[in-house]
Amino acid sequence: MTRSREQLLQCINEVSFALDDCRLYLDTHPYDREALEYYRNYEKLRNEAMKEYRDCYGPISAYDVNAENVWTWVSEPWPWEGVC
């Protein structure tokens, strides 16, 4: 089942927050294996959600644009247009 654009964006935001928080912790505890595993798990979840978003709704960042296609990054709605 494909998640809606809003569901995927919410998931990406939540998982990204967890990754950022964990990254801050790992800055001071770089050998904490449990934290490293937590980070890897959430990194995998984020990558999967980002891929699902790209496959269903197009590029989510300028780095996701396929150079073989037309420059599609600008054809998506902008955040201030109320879609994000």
Protein backbone atom coordinates (compact mmCIF):
# COMPACT_ATOMS: atom_id res chain seq x y z
CA MET A 1 0.00 0.00 0.00
CA THR A 2 1.36 3.39 -0.99
CA ARG A 3 1.34 6.05 1.70
CA SER A 4 0.04 9.50 0.89
CA ARG A 5 2.42 12.38 0.25
CA GLU A 6 1.55 13.83 3.65
CA GLN A 7 2.14 10.52 5.45
CA LEU A 8 5.53 10.09 3.81
CA LEU A 9 6.60 13.66 4.57
CA GLN A 10 5.54 13.19 8.20
CA CYS A 11 7.48 9.93 8.41
CA ILE A 12 10.58 11.51 6.84
CA ASN A 13 10.39 14.45 9.25
CA GLU A 14 10.00 12.23 12.32
CA VAL A 15 12.76 9.82 11.36
CA SER A 16 15.07 12.70 10.39
CA PHE A 17 14.52 14.26 13.81
CA ALA A 18 15.44 10.98 15.50
CA LEU A 19 18.58 10.74 13.35
CA ASP A 20 19.62 14.31 14.15
CA ASP A 21 19.10 13.72 17.87
CA CYS A 22 21.06 10.48 17.76
CA ARG A 23 23.83 12.15 15.77
CA LEU A 24 24.23 14.72 18.54
CA TYR A 25 24.47 11.94 21.12
CA LEU A 26 27.03 10.05 19.02
CA ASP A 27 29.21 13.17 18.86
CA THR A 28 29.96 12.64 22.56
CA HIS A 29 29.49 8.84 22.72
CA PRO A 30 31.01 7.54 19.45
CA TYR A 31 31.54 3.98 20.71
CA ASP A 32 28.03 3.36 22.04
CA ARG A 33 27.07 0.29 20.02
CA GLU A 34 23.40 0.49 20.97
CA ALA A 35 23.22 4.10 19.74
CA LEU A 36 25.04 3.17 16.53
CA GLU A 37 22.54 0.37 15.90
CA TYR A 38 19.66 2.76 16.63
CA TYR A 39 21.16 5.23 14.13
CA ARG A 40 21.58 2.56 11.43
CA ASN A 41 18.00 1.37 11.93
CA TYR A 42 16.51 4.86 11.57
CA GLU A 43 18.84 5.67 8.69
CA LYS A 44 17.45 2.62 6.87
CA LEU A 45 13.86 3.71 7.61
CA ARG A 46 14.59 7.22 6.31
CA ASN A 47 16.24 5.92 3.13
CA GLU A 48 13.26 3.65 2.47
CA ALA A 49 10.78 6.49 3.02
CA MET A 50 12.80 8.82 0.78
CA LYS A 51 12.88 6.17 -1.97
CA GLU A 52 9.15 5.55 -1.64
CA TYR A 53 8.51 9.29 -1.88
CA ARG A 54 10.72 9.66 -5.00
CA ASP A 55 9.10 6.65 -6.67
CA CYS A 56 5.56 7.85 -5.98
CA TYR A 57 5.73 11.64 -6.02
CA GLY A 58 8.98 12.70 -7.67
CA PRO A 59 12.14 14.30 -6.31
CA ILE A 60 12.12 15.40 -2.69
CA SER A 61 15.37 17.34 -2.99
CA ALA A 62 17.35 18.89 -5.81
CA TYR A 63 19.83 15.99 -5.53
CA ASP A 64 17.11 13.48 -6.48
CA VAL A 65 16.59 14.82 -10.00
CA ASN A 66 17.39 12.37 -12.74
CA ALA A 67 19.76 14.14 -15.15
CA GLU A 68 18.37 12.15 -18.08
CA ASN A 69 14.95 13.71 -17.63
CA VAL A 70 13.73 17.26 -17.77
CA TRP A 71 14.68 19.32 -14.72
CA THR A 72 11.59 18.27 -12.73
CA TRP A 73 12.59 19.75 -9.39
CA VAL A 74 10.87 23.05 -10.17
CA SER A 75 7.66 21.44 -11.40
CA GLU A 76 6.69 20.19 -7.93
CA PRO A 77 4.69 22.43 -5.56
CA TRP A 78 6.78 24.66 -3.30
CA PRO A 79 6.34 24.56 0.50
CA TRP A 80 4.62 27.97 0.58
CA GLU A 81 2.02 26.67 -1.86
CA GLY A 82 0.52 24.68 1.01
CA VAL A 83 1.43 21.17 -0.13
CA CYS A 84 4.33 20.26 2.17
